[in-house]
Amino acid sequence: MNTQEYKLDNPVWYSLNELDKPYSIECDGLKFYNPEYCPFLALAPNRRKMEAMFDATNFNDDLYVFGKKPSIGIGLTFSGYLSCCQMILKKPIGIKIKERIVELKSRKQKAELSNLVKSILPTLFKNKSSDLGNYYGIYKKNNLVAALGERMKMDGYTEISSVVTHPEYIGKGYAKQLLKHLTDQILNENKTPFLHVVESNKAAIKLYENLGFVTRQKLDCWILRRVI
């Protein structure tokens, strides 16, 4: 076992203390991603009571926190939670890449990426989410039909996020091709790819398992909302 694997128990915190530090906002023992990039926050590992007492007036969208249910202060309420599987990949995916995979770098490509992701995952992808890492896609008939990219980054680990396929192109293996491409890059950097998937999304979990991902742990994700 990687001696640093404990960091995956609190991935937001360690990412914001390490490679994602430029996007970090700190407040009273909490760390937030700048809300233009990502809606996640984390509590310091030594906060056993998981108390989140802070002024949320600058955060108008939902906030997401992994782990045990936190105590929250005035101005916030829980709007729900997601039961997630945290999955990791230890060895290369054993398939060949047959599709043309495009790195999404231009303003036009990033706009197409945002439109595709938000049509499927409307709350988690923000205006500058694509600036957190490398994003890749597959085009058909000049339309972006599948994509994925990198979100949380820490020493030794990179999170894969926004794995999406347009509904008309599901079942063609495009997600597998993109996952092979990106995980090879991450592994070549001597880092471990990981991702989070909602436990009820059985089809996605099966896909990841077939490619070699294993579930490391179940991890709840609590959704906080500002009280108006």
Protein backbone atom coordinates (compact mmCIF):
# COMPACT_ATOMS: atom_id res chain seq x y z
CA MET A 1 0.00 0.00 0.00
CA ASN A 2 1.22 3.49 -0.83
CA THR A 3 2.30 5.10 2.44
CA GLN A 4 0.49 8.27 1.41
CA GLU A 5 -2.82 6.58 0.59
CA TYR A 6 -4.30 8.02 3.81
CA LYS A 7 -4.59 11.31 1.92
CA LEU A 8 -7.44 9.85 -0.12
CA ASP A 9 -9.53 9.78 3.07
CA ASN A 10 -9.61 13.59 2.85
CA PRO A 11 -8.77 14.26 -0.81
CA VAL A 12 -10.01 17.85 -0.97
CA TRP A 13 -7.93 18.92 2.02
CA TYR A 14 -4.70 17.39 0.77
CA SER A 15 -5.20 18.60 -2.78
CA LEU A 16 -5.71 22.16 -1.55
CA ASN A 17 -2.60 21.87 0.62
CA GLU A 18 -0.49 20.52 -2.22
CA LEU A 19 -0.83 20.87 -6.01
CA ASP A 20 -4.17 22.71 -5.95
CA LYS A 21 -2.99 25.27 -3.39
CA PRO A 22 -3.30 28.16 -5.93
CA TYR A 23 -7.08 27.57 -5.98
CA SER A 24 -7.47 27.38 -2.20
CA ILE A 25 -9.42 29.68 0.11
CA GLU A 26 -8.92 29.11 3.85
CA CYS A 27 -11.30 30.04 6.66
CA ASP A 28 -11.19 28.90 10.30
CA GLY A 29 -9.76 25.44 9.71
CA LEU A 30 -11.63 24.93 6.46
CA LYS A 31 -10.30 24.94 2.94
CA PHE A 32 -12.43 25.73 -0.10
CA TYR A 33 -11.77 25.62 -3.79
CA ASN A 34 -12.28 29.03 -5.34
CA PRO A 35 -15.97 28.65 -6.33
CA GLU A 36 -15.18 29.54 -9.95
CA TYR A 37 -13.25 26.27 -10.19
CA CYS A 38 -14.91 23.72 -7.95
CA PRO A 39 -17.70 23.55 -5.28
CA PHE A 40 -15.77 21.40 -2.77
CA LEU A 41 -14.64 22.20 0.76
CA ALA A 42 -12.76 20.22 3.39
CA LEU A 43 -12.15 20.24 7.12
CA ALA A 44 -8.72 19.73 8.65
CA PRO A 45 -8.05 16.05 9.46
CA ASN A 46 -7.62 16.82 13.18
CA ARG A 47 -11.14 18.27 13.45
CA ARG A 48 -12.77 15.29 15.13
CA LYS A 49 -16.08 17.04 15.76
CA MET A 50 -16.30 18.04 12.10
CA GLU A 51 -17.67 21.44 13.00
CA ALA A 52 -18.07 23.81 10.08
CA MET A 53 -18.70 27.25 11.51
CA PHE A 54 -18.15 29.85 8.83
CA ASP A 55 -19.73 32.74 7.02
CA ALA A 56 -21.03 31.36 3.73
CA THR A 57 -22.24 34.65 2.30
CA ASN A 58 -19.68 34.56 -0.54
CA PHE A 59 -20.71 31.06 -1.63
CA ASN A 60 -24.06 31.16 -3.37
CA ASP A 61 -24.01 27.68 -4.92
CA ASP A 62 -24.19 24.33 -3.15
CA LEU A 63 -21.01 23.20 -1.40
CA TYR A 64 -19.86 19.57 -1.19
CA VAL A 65 -17.85 18.01 1.64
CA PHE A 66 -16.57 14.41 1.79
CA GLY A 67 -16.60 12.32 4.96
CA LYS A 68 -18.67 12.20 8.10
CA LYS A 69 -21.64 14.51 8.41
CA PRO A 70 -20.33 17.84 9.73
CA SER A 71 -21.88 20.13 12.29
CA ILE A 72 -22.82 23.35 10.56
CA GLY A 73 -23.30 26.91 11.69
CA ILE A 74 -25.91 29.57 11.16
CA GLY A 75 -26.65 30.32 7.52
CA LEU A 76 -26.26 26.79 6.20
CA THR A 77 -28.47 23.76 5.83
CA PHE A 78 -28.08 20.27 4.38
CA SER A 79 -29.75 19.83 1.01
CA GLY A 80 -28.79 16.16 0.62
CA TYR A 81 -25.90 13.76 0.33
CA LEU A 82 -24.36 11.38 -2.17
CA SER A 83 -23.07 7.93 -1.23
CA CYS A 84 -19.97 7.51 -3.37
CA CYS A 85 -17.43 4.85 -4.20
CA GLN A 86 -13.84 6.03 -4.26
CA MET A 87 -12.02 3.93 -6.86
CA ILE A 88 -8.33 3.73 -7.74
CA LEU A 89 -6.32 2.22 -10.60
CA LYS A 90 -2.95 0.57 -9.93
CA LYS A 91 -1.96 -0.70 -13.39
CA PRO A 92 -2.50 0.33 -17.03
CA ILE A 93 -5.82 -0.39 -18.71
CA GLY A 94 -5.35 -3.27 -21.14
CA ILE A 95 -7.04 -1.94 -24.26
CA LYS A 96 -5.82 -0.19 -27.41
CA ILE A 97 -6.78 3.34 -28.33
CA LYS A 98 -8.56 3.39 -31.68
CA GLU A 99 -10.33 6.76 -31.56
CA ARG A 100 -8.81 10.17 -32.24
CA ILE A 101 -8.57 11.86 -28.85
CA VAL A 102 -8.31 15.65 -28.72
CA GLU A 103 -6.90 17.75 -25.90
CA LEU A 104 -9.48 20.46 -25.15
CA LYS A 105 -7.45 23.65 -24.88
CA SER A 106 -8.98 26.39 -27.00
CA ARG A 107 -11.73 28.72 -25.82
CA LYS A 108 -14.14 27.10 -28.28
CA GLN A 109 -13.25 23.59 -27.13
CA LYS A 110 -13.65 24.54 -23.48
CA ALA A 111 -17.06 26.04 -24.21
CA GLU A 112 -18.10 22.82 -25.95
CA LEU A 113 -16.79 20.86 -22.97
CA SER A 114 -18.76 23.00 -20.52
CA ASN A 115 -21.95 22.60 -22.52
CA LEU A 116 -21.58 18.81 -22.69
CA VAL A 117 -20.68 18.30 -19.03
CA LYS A 118 -23.34 20.67 -17.70
CA SER A 119 -26.00 18.91 -19.79
CA ILE A 120 -25.25 15.75 -17.81
CA LEU A 121 -23.71 16.96 -14.51
CA PRO A 122 -25.23 20.41 -14.08
CA THR A 123 -24.02 21.33 -10.56
CA LEU A 124 -20.40 20.23 -10.25
CA PHE A 125 -18.76 21.74 -13.33
CA LYS A 126 -17.93 25.43 -12.95
CA ASN A 127 -16.74 28.16 -15.32
CA LYS A 128 -13.05 27.46 -14.67
CA SER A 129 -13.19 23.75 -13.84
CA SER A 130 -11.34 22.90 -17.04
CA ASP A 131 -8.37 24.96 -15.81
CA LEU A 132 -7.72 22.51 -12.96
CA GLY A 133 -6.05 19.95 -15.23
CA ASN A 134 -5.94 18.35 -18.65
CA TYR A 135 -9.24 17.61 -20.43
CA TYR A 136 -9.74 15.39 -23.44
CA GLY A 137 -12.59 14.61 -25.79
CA ILE A 138 -13.79 12.67 -28.80
CA TYR A 139 -15.51 14.44 -31.68
CA LYS A 140 -17.98 12.98 -34.16
CA LYS A 141 -19.32 15.03 -37.06
CA ASN A 142 -17.56 18.07 -35.57
CA ASN A 143 -19.47 17.69 -32.29
CA LEU A 144 -17.90 16.89 -28.94
CA VAL A 145 -19.61 13.65 -27.87
CA ALA A 146 -17.48 12.37 -24.98
CA ALA A 147 -15.03 13.92 -22.54
CA LEU A 148 -13.22 13.66 -19.24
CA GLY A 149 -10.48 15.43 -17.35
CA GLU A 150 -8.54 16.02 -14.15
CA ARG A 151 -9.88 17.72 -11.04
CA MET A 152 -8.24 17.23 -7.62
CA LYS A 153 -4.46 16.90 -7.67
CA MET A 154 -2.08 16.07 -4.84
CA ASP A 155 1.38 14.58 -4.55
CA GLY A 156 1.08 11.02 -5.83
CA TYR A 157 -2.57 11.14 -6.91
CA THR A 158 -4.74 12.71 -9.61
CA GLU A 159 -8.53 12.57 -9.66
CA ILE A 160 -10.37 11.80 -12.90
CA SER A 161 -13.60 13.76 -13.22
CA SER A 162 -16.42 14.71 -15.59
CA VAL A 163 -16.51 11.38 -17.42
CA VAL A 164 -19.43 12.11 -19.75
CA THR A 165 -20.84 10.83 -23.02
CA HIS A 166 -23.64 12.39 -25.03
CA PRO A 167 -26.74 10.14 -24.68
CA GLU A 168 -26.83 9.47 -28.42
CA TYR A 169 -23.31 7.98 -28.31
CA ILE A 170 -23.47 5.81 -25.19
CA GLY A 171 -22.33 2.22 -25.69
CA LYS A 172 -19.69 2.93 -28.33
CA GLY A 173 -16.74 2.59 -25.96
CA TYR A 174 -15.70 6.24 -26.03
CA ALA A 175 -15.38 6.51 -22.23
CA LYS A 176 -13.06 3.48 -22.21
CA GLN A 177 -10.86 5.08 -24.85
CA LEU A 178 -10.64 8.35 -22.94
CA LEU A 179 -9.97 6.60 -19.62
CA LYS A 180 -7.15 4.60 -21.20
CA HIS A 181 -5.61 7.78 -22.62
CA LEU A 182 -5.76 9.80 -19.40
CA THR A 183 -4.84 7.04 -16.95
CA ASP A 184 -1.77 6.17 -19.02
CA GLN A 185 -0.63 9.77 -18.69
CA ILE A 186 -1.22 9.82 -14.94
CA LEU A 187 0.53 6.49 -14.38
CA ASN A 188 3.47 7.66 -16.50
CA GLU A 189 3.82 10.54 -14.03
CA ASN A 190 4.23 7.92 -11.27
CA LYS A 191 0.88 8.96 -9.85
CA THR A 192 -2.21 6.91 -9.04
CA PRO A 193 -5.48 7.76 -10.82
CA PHE A 194 -8.58 7.86 -8.62
CA LEU A 195 -12.20 8.88 -9.08
CA HIS A 196 -15.49 9.18 -7.26
CA VAL A 197 -18.72 7.70 -8.58
CA VAL A 198 -22.18 7.72 -7.01
CA GLU A 199 -22.86 4.26 -5.57
CA SER A 200 -26.21 4.00 -7.35
CA ASN A 201 -24.54 4.42 -10.76
CA LYS A 202 -24.04 0.69 -11.24
CA ALA A 203 -23.30 0.95 -14.96
CA ALA A 204 -20.40 3.34 -14.40
CA ILE A 205 -19.01 1.25 -11.53
CA LYS A 206 -19.12 -1.87 -13.71
CA LEU A 207 -17.31 -0.01 -16.49
CA TYR A 208 -14.56 1.12 -14.13
CA GLU A 209 -14.21 -2.34 -12.60
CA ASN A 210 -13.91 -3.92 -16.05
CA LEU A 211 -11.03 -1.54 -16.77
CA GLY A 212 -9.20 -2.45 -13.56
CA PHE A 213 -10.36 0.16 -11.06
CA VAL A 214 -11.03 -1.16 -7.56
CA THR A 215 -13.19 0.39 -4.86
CA ARG A 216 -10.96 1.68 -2.09
CA GLN A 217 -13.75 2.86 0.19
CA LYS A 218 -17.31 4.16 0.38
CA LEU A 219 -17.29 7.89 0.99
CA ASP A 220 -20.31 10.06 1.73
CA CYS A 221 -20.49 13.51 0.15
CA TRP A 222 -22.67 16.02 2.00
CA ILE A 223 -24.32 18.89 0.15
CA LEU A 224 -24.52 22.21 1.98
CA ARG A 225 -26.77 25.06 0.95
CA ARG A 226 -26.97 28.62 2.11
CA VAL A 227 -30.16 29.55 3.96
CA ILE A 228 -31.82 32.54 2.31
